[in-house]
PDB file of all heavy atoms in Angstrom:
ATOM      1  N   PRO A   1      91.196 115.502 102.746  1.00  0.00           N
ATOM      2  CA  PRO A   1      91.782 114.662 101.697  1.00  0.00           C
ATOM      3  C   PRO A   1      90.717 114.003 100.817  1.00  0.00           C
ATOM      4  O   PRO A   1      89.549 113.884 101.198  1.00  0.00           O
ATOM      5  CB  PRO A   1      92.565 113.606 102.486  1.00  0.00           C
ATOM      6  CG  PRO A   1      92.641 114.100 103.877  1.00  0.00           C
ATOM      7  CD  PRO A   1      91.479 115.014 104.088  1.00  0.00           C
ATOM      8  N   TYR A   2      91.172 113.541  99.651  1.00  0.00           N
ATOM      9  CA  TYR A   2      90.313 112.797  98.732  1.00  0.00           C
ATOM     10  C   TYR A   2      90.512 111.297  98.970  1.00  0.00           C
ATOM     11  O   TYR A   2      91.636 110.812  99.039  1.00  0.00           O
ATOM     12  CB  TYR A   2      90.647 113.158  97.286  1.00  0.00           C
ATOM     13  CG  TYR A   2      90.155 114.535  96.895  1.00  0.00           C
ATOM     14  CD1 TYR A   2      90.893 115.669  97.197  1.00  0.00           C
ATOM     15  CD2 TYR A   2      88.931 114.697  96.255  1.00  0.00           C
ATOM     16  CE1 TYR A   2      90.438 116.937  96.853  1.00  0.00           C
ATOM     17  CE2 TYR A   2      88.472 115.959  95.897  1.00  0.00           C
ATOM     18  CZ  TYR A   2      89.224 117.074  96.204  1.00  0.00           C
ATOM     19  OH  TYR A   2      88.767 118.328  95.864  1.00  0.00           O
ATOM     20  N   ASP A   3      89.405 110.582  99.088  1.00  0.00           N
ATOM     21  CA  ASP A   3      89.428 109.164  99.413  1.00  0.00           C
ATOM     22  C   ASP A   3      89.867 108.348  98.196  1.00  0.00           C
ATOM     23  O   ASP A   3      89.352 108.532  97.096  1.00  0.00           O
ATOM     24  CB  ASP A   3      88.033 108.738  99.864  1.00  0.00           C
ATOM     25  CG  ASP A   3      88.005 107.350 100.491  1.00  0.00           C
ATOM     26  OD1 ASP A   3      89.077 106.723 100.599  1.00  0.00           O
ATOM     27  OD2 ASP A   3      86.913 106.903 100.887  1.00  0.00           O
ATOM     28  N   ALA A   4      90.836 107.457  98.408  1.00  0.00           N
ATOM     29  CA  ALA A   4      91.269 106.533  97.358  1.00  0.00           C
ATOM     30  C   ALA A   4      91.109 105.087  97.803  1.00  0.00           C
ATOM     31  O   ALA A   4      91.672 104.177  97.182  1.00  0.00           O
ATOM     32  CB  ALA A   4      92.711 106.812  96.973  1.00  0.00           C
ATOM     33  N   THR A   5      90.325 104.869  98.854  1.00  0.00           N
ATOM     34  CA  THR A   5      90.127 103.528  99.386  1.00  0.00           C
ATOM     35  C   THR A   5      89.547 102.597  98.319  1.00  0.00           C
ATOM     36  O   THR A   5      88.586 102.938  97.630  1.00  0.00           O
ATOM     37  CB  THR A   5      89.169 103.560 100.586  1.00  0.00           C
ATOM     38  OG1 THR A   5      89.673 104.473 101.563  1.00  0.00           O
ATOM     39  CG2 THR A   5      89.027 102.186 101.203  1.00  0.00           C
ATOM     40  N   GLY A   6      90.147 101.424  98.182  1.00  0.00           N
ATOM     41  CA  GLY A   6      89.648 100.452  97.232  1.00  0.00           C
ATOM     42  C   GLY A   6      90.147 100.648  95.821  1.00  0.00           C
ATOM     43  O   GLY A   6      89.874  99.820  94.942  1.00  0.00           O
ATOM     44  N   VAL A   7      90.873 101.746  95.574  1.00  0.00           N
ATOM     45  CA  VAL A   7      91.423 101.999  94.245  1.00  0.00           C
ATOM     46  C   VAL A   7      92.920 101.733  94.230  1.00  0.00           C
ATOM     47  O   VAL A   7      93.423 101.002  93.368  1.00  0.00           O
ATOM     48  CB  VAL A   7      91.137 103.448  93.789  1.00  0.00           C
ATOM     49  CG1 VAL A   7      91.718 103.686  92.396  1.00  0.00           C
ATOM     50  CG2 VAL A   7      89.637 103.729  93.798  1.00  0.00           C
ATOM     51  N   LEU A   8      93.633 102.293  95.185  1.00  0.00           N
ATOM     52  CA  LEU A   8      95.069 102.074  95.283  1.00  0.00           C
ATOM     53  C   LEU A   8      95.349 100.935  96.265  1.00  0.00           C
ATOM     54  O   LEU A   8      94.736 100.866  97.333  1.00  0.00           O
ATOM     55  CB  LEU A   8      95.776 103.350  95.757  1.00  0.00           C
ATOM     56  CG  LEU A   8      95.604 104.590  94.875  1.00  0.00           C
ATOM     57  CD1 LEU A   8      96.419 105.743  95.449  1.00  0.00           C
ATOM     58  CD2 LEU A   8      96.025 104.300  93.433  1.00  0.00           C
ATOM     59  N   PRO A   9      96.262 100.055  95.922  1.00  0.00           N
ATOM     60  CA  PRO A   9      96.569  98.936  96.823  1.00  0.00           C
ATOM     61  C   PRO A   9      97.340  99.430  98.049  1.00  0.00           C
ATOM     62  O   PRO A   9      98.153 100.344  97.958  1.00  0.00           O
ATOM     63  CB  PRO A   9      97.438  98.019  95.964  1.00  0.00           C
ATOM     64  CG  PRO A   9      98.110  98.950  94.992  1.00  0.00           C
ATOM     65  CD  PRO A   9      97.089 100.013  94.694  1.00  0.00           C
ATOM     66  N   ARG A  10      97.053  98.827  99.185  1.00  0.00           N
ATOM     67  CA  ARG A  10      97.865  99.112 100.365  1.00  0.00           C
ATOM     68  C   ARG A  10      99.237  98.459 100.178  1.00  0.00           C
ATOM     69  O   ARG A  10      99.336  97.411  99.544  1.00  0.00           O
ATOM     70  CB  ARG A  10      97.170  98.564 101.615  1.00  0.00           C
ATOM     71  CG  ARG A  10      95.816  99.231 101.887  1.00  0.00           C
ATOM     72  CD  ARG A  10      95.182  98.679 103.132  1.00  0.00           C
ATOM     73  NE  ARG A  10      93.853  99.202 103.351  1.00  0.00           N
ATOM     74  CZ  ARG A  10      93.594 100.365 103.970  1.00  0.00           C
ATOM     75  NH1 ARG A  10      94.596 101.094 104.438  1.00  0.00           N
ATOM     76  NH2 ARG A  10      92.351 100.786 104.132  1.00  0.00           N
ATOM     77  N   PRO A  11     100.312  99.106 100.672  1.00  0.00           N
ATOM     78  CA  PRO A  11     100.324 100.248 101.591  1.00  0.00           C
ATOM     79  C   PRO A  11     100.407 101.613 100.917  1.00  0.00           C
ATOM     80  O   PRO A  11     100.849 102.564 101.561  1.00  0.00           O
ATOM     81  CB  PRO A  11     101.593  99.978 102.403  1.00  0.00           C
ATOM     82  CG  PRO A  11     102.525  99.342 101.422  1.00  0.00           C
ATOM     83  CD  PRO A  11     101.653  98.495 100.534  1.00  0.00           C
ATOM     84  N   LEU A  12     100.014 101.742  99.647  1.00  0.00           N
ATOM     85  CA  LEU A  12      99.932 103.073  99.054  1.00  0.00           C
ATOM     86  C   LEU A  12      98.898 103.895  99.812  1.00  0.00           C
ATOM     87  O   LEU A  12      97.967 103.346 100.404  1.00  0.00           O
ATOM     88  CB  LEU A  12      99.555 102.980  97.573  1.00  0.00           C
ATOM     89  CG  LEU A  12     100.581 102.318  96.641  1.00  0.00           C
ATOM     90  CD1 LEU A  12     100.098 102.390  95.209  1.00  0.00           C
ATOM     91  CD2 LEU A  12     101.946 102.944  96.779  1.00  0.00           C
ATOM     92  N   PRO A  13      99.014 105.210  99.796  1.00  0.00           N
ATOM     93  CA  PRO A  13      98.078 106.048 100.557  1.00  0.00           C
ATOM     94  C   PRO A  13      96.627 105.808 100.147  1.00  0.00           C
ATOM     95  O   PRO A  13      96.325 105.673  98.958  1.00  0.00           O
ATOM     96  CB  PRO A  13      98.518 107.475 100.192  1.00  0.00           C
ATOM     97  CG  PRO A  13      99.938 107.350  99.778  1.00  0.00           C
ATOM     98  CD  PRO A  13     100.049 106.014  99.115  1.00  0.00           C
ATOM     99  N   GLN A  14      95.760 105.754 101.127  1.00  0.00           N
ATOM    100  CA  GLN A  14      94.328 105.585 100.870  1.00  0.00           C
ATOM    101  C   GLN A  14      93.602 106.928 100.867  1.00  0.00           C
ATOM    102  O   GLN A  14      92.400 106.992 100.629  1.00  0.00           O
ATOM    103  CB  GLN A  14      93.719 104.662 101.928  1.00  0.00           C
ATOM    104  CG  GLN A  14      94.360 103.266 101.969  1.00  0.00           C
ATOM    105  CD  GLN A  14      94.250 102.534 100.646  1.00  0.00           C
ATOM    106  OE1 GLN A  14      93.153 102.160 100.231  1.00  0.00           O
ATOM    107  NE2 GLN A  14      95.371 102.310  99.959  1.00  0.00           N
ATOM    108  N   GLU A  15      94.337 107.991 101.125  1.00  0.00           N
ATOM    109  CA  GLU A  15      93.822 109.359 101.022  1.00  0.00           C
ATOM    110  C   GLU A  15      94.853 110.209 100.289  1.00  0.00           C
ATOM    111  O   GLU A  15      96.068 110.005 100.451  1.00  0.00           O
ATOM    112  CB  GLU A  15      93.542 109.959 102.402  1.00  0.00           C
ATOM    113  CG  GLU A  15      92.406 109.288 103.152  1.00  0.00           C
ATOM    114  CD  GLU A  15      92.132 109.977 104.486  1.00  0.00           C
ATOM    115  OE1 GLU A  15      93.077 110.591 105.050  1.00  0.00           O
ATOM    116  OE2 GLU A  15      90.982 109.918 104.963  1.00  0.00           O
ATOM    117  N   ILE A  16      94.358 111.142  99.484  1.00  0.00           N
ATOM    118  CA  ILE A  16      95.233 112.029  98.719  1.00  0.00           C
ATOM    119  C   ILE A  16      94.885 113.468  99.102  1.00  0.00           C
ATOM    120  O   ILE A  16      93.717 113.867  99.079  1.00  0.00           O
ATOM    121  CB  ILE A  16      95.047 111.822  97.202  1.00  0.00           C
ATOM    122  CG1 ILE A  16      95.319 110.352  96.831  1.00  0.00           C
ATOM    123  CG2 ILE A  16      95.977 112.742  96.421  1.00  0.00           C
ATOM    124  CD1 ILE A  16      95.007 110.024  95.384  1.00  0.00           C
ATOM    125  N   ASP A  17      95.888 114.232  99.452  1.00  0.00           N
ATOM    126  CA  ASP A  17      95.664 115.599  99.915  1.00  0.00           C
ATOM    127  C   ASP A  17      94.947 116.439  98.863  1.00  0.00           C
ATOM    128  O   ASP A  17      95.171 116.273  97.648  1.00  0.00           O
ATOM    129  CB  ASP A  17      96.987 116.277 100.265  1.00  0.00           C
ATOM    130  CG  ASP A  17      97.612 115.718 101.527  1.00  0.00           C
ATOM    131  OD1 ASP A  17      96.895 115.064 102.308  1.00  0.00           O
ATOM    132  OD2 ASP A  17      98.821 115.933 101.728  1.00  0.00           O
ATOM    133  N   ASP A  18      94.092 117.334  99.324  1.00  0.00           N
ATOM    134  CA  ASP A  18      93.428 118.245  98.402  1.00  0.00           C
ATOM    135  C   ASP A  18      94.473 119.133  97.724  1.00  0.00           C
ATOM    136  O   ASP A  18      95.505 119.469  98.298  1.00  0.00           O
ATOM    137  CB  ASP A  18      92.377 119.087  99.120  1.00  0.00           C
ATOM    138  CG  ASP A  18      92.950 119.886 100.269  1.00  0.00           C
ATOM    139  OD1 ASP A  18      93.638 119.312 101.114  1.00  0.00           O
ATOM    140  OD2 ASP A  18      92.717 121.115 100.300  1.00  0.00           O
ATOM    141  N   GLY A  19      94.200 119.462  96.463  1.00  0.00           N
ATOM    142  CA  GLY A  19      95.131 120.260  95.678  1.00  0.00           C
ATOM    143  C   GLY A  19      96.233 119.456  95.022  1.00  0.00           C
ATOM    144  O   GLY A  19      97.148 120.024  94.422  1.00  0.00           O
ATOM    145  N   THR A  20      96.150 118.121  95.101  1.00  0.00           N
ATOM    146  CA  THR A  20      97.183 117.256  94.527  1.00  0.00           C
ATOM    147  C   THR A  20      96.938 117.027  93.037  1.00  0.00           C
ATOM    148  O   THR A  20      95.804 116.830  92.601  1.00  0.00           O
ATOM    149  CB  THR A  20      97.209 115.890  95.243  1.00  0.00           C
ATOM    150  OG1 THR A  20      97.633 116.084  96.597  1.00  0.00           O
ATOM    151  CG2 THR A  20      98.155 114.917  94.559  1.00  0.00           C
ATOM    152  N   ASN A  21      98.031 117.054  92.260  1.00  0.00           N
ATOM    153  CA  ASN A  21      98.000 116.648  90.853  1.00  0.00           C
ATOM    154  C   ASN A  21      98.853 115.397  90.695  1.00  0.00           C
ATOM    155  O   ASN A  21     100.026 115.385  91.069  1.00  0.00           O
ATOM    156  CB  ASN A  21      98.531 117.769  89.959  1.00  0.00           C
ATOM    157  CG  ASN A  21      97.547 118.916  89.830  1.00  0.00           C
ATOM    158  OD1 ASN A  21      96.542 118.798  89.132  1.00  0.00           O
ATOM    159  ND2 ASN A  21      97.834 120.027  90.494  1.00  0.00           N
ATOM    160  N   LEU A  22      98.244 114.354  90.147  1.00  0.00           N
ATOM    161  CA  LEU A  22      98.877 113.034  90.049  1.00  0.00           C
ATOM    162  C   LEU A  22      99.000 112.639  88.588  1.00  0.00           C
ATOM    163  O   LEU A  22      98.036 112.728  87.823  1.00  0.00           O
ATOM    164  CB  LEU A  22      98.023 112.015  90.802  1.00  0.00           C
ATOM    165  CG  LEU A  22      98.560 110.602  90.972  1.00  0.00           C
ATOM    166  CD1 LEU A  22      99.827 110.592  91.813  1.00  0.00           C
ATOM    167  CD2 LEU A  22      97.483 109.719  91.620  1.00  0.00           C
ATOM    168  N   LEU A  23     100.191 112.218  88.195  1.00  0.00           N
ATOM    169  CA  LEU A  23     100.423 111.711  86.851  1.00  0.00           C
ATOM    170  C   LEU A  23     100.402 110.187  86.893  1.00  0.00           C
ATOM    171  O   LEU A  23     101.183 109.567  87.626  1.00  0.00           O
ATOM    172  CB  LEU A  23     101.774 112.202  86.320  1.00  0.00           C
ATOM    173  CG  LEU A  23     102.126 111.805  84.881  1.00  0.00           C
ATOM    174  CD1 LEU A  23     101.153 112.430  83.885  1.00  0.00           C
ATOM    175  CD2 LEU A  23     103.566 112.204  84.559  1.00  0.00           C
ATOM    176  N   VAL A  24      99.499 109.587  86.127  1.00  0.00           N
ATOM    177  CA  VAL A  24      99.408 108.128  86.032  1.00  0.00           C
ATOM    178  C   VAL A  24     100.117 107.713  84.750  1.00  0.00           C
ATOM    179  O   VAL A  24      99.675 108.031  83.652  1.00  0.00           O
ATOM    180  CB  VAL A  24      97.948 107.653  86.036  1.00  0.00           C
ATOM    181  CG1 VAL A  24      97.886 106.142  85.903  1.00  0.00           C
ATOM    182  CG2 VAL A  24      97.236 108.105  87.306  1.00  0.00           C
ATOM    183  N   SER A  25     101.229 107.013  84.898  1.00  0.00           N
ATOM    184  CA  SER A  25     102.106 106.689  83.779  1.00  0.00           C
ATOM    185  C   SER A  25     102.137 105.188  83.552  1.00  0.00           C
ATOM    186  O   SER A  25     102.546 104.423  84.431  1.00  0.00           O
ATOM    187  CB  SER A  25     103.527 107.204  84.084  1.00  0.00           C
ATOM    188  OG  SER A  25     104.439 106.834  83.071  1.00  0.00           O
ATOM    189  N   GLY A  26     101.697 104.775  82.376  1.00  0.00           N
ATOM    190  CA  GLY A  26     101.704 103.348  82.071  1.00  0.00           C
ATOM    191  C   GLY A  26     101.484 103.116  80.592  1.00  0.00           C
ATOM    192  O   GLY A  26     100.830 103.910  79.918  1.00  0.00           O
TER     193      GLY A  26
END
């Protein structure tokens, strides 16, 4: 997985599976 520690607030996942595509909408 890809580390997201310190970027996403808990309890959101602190690791993101490899091969993931994420849309950030704001």
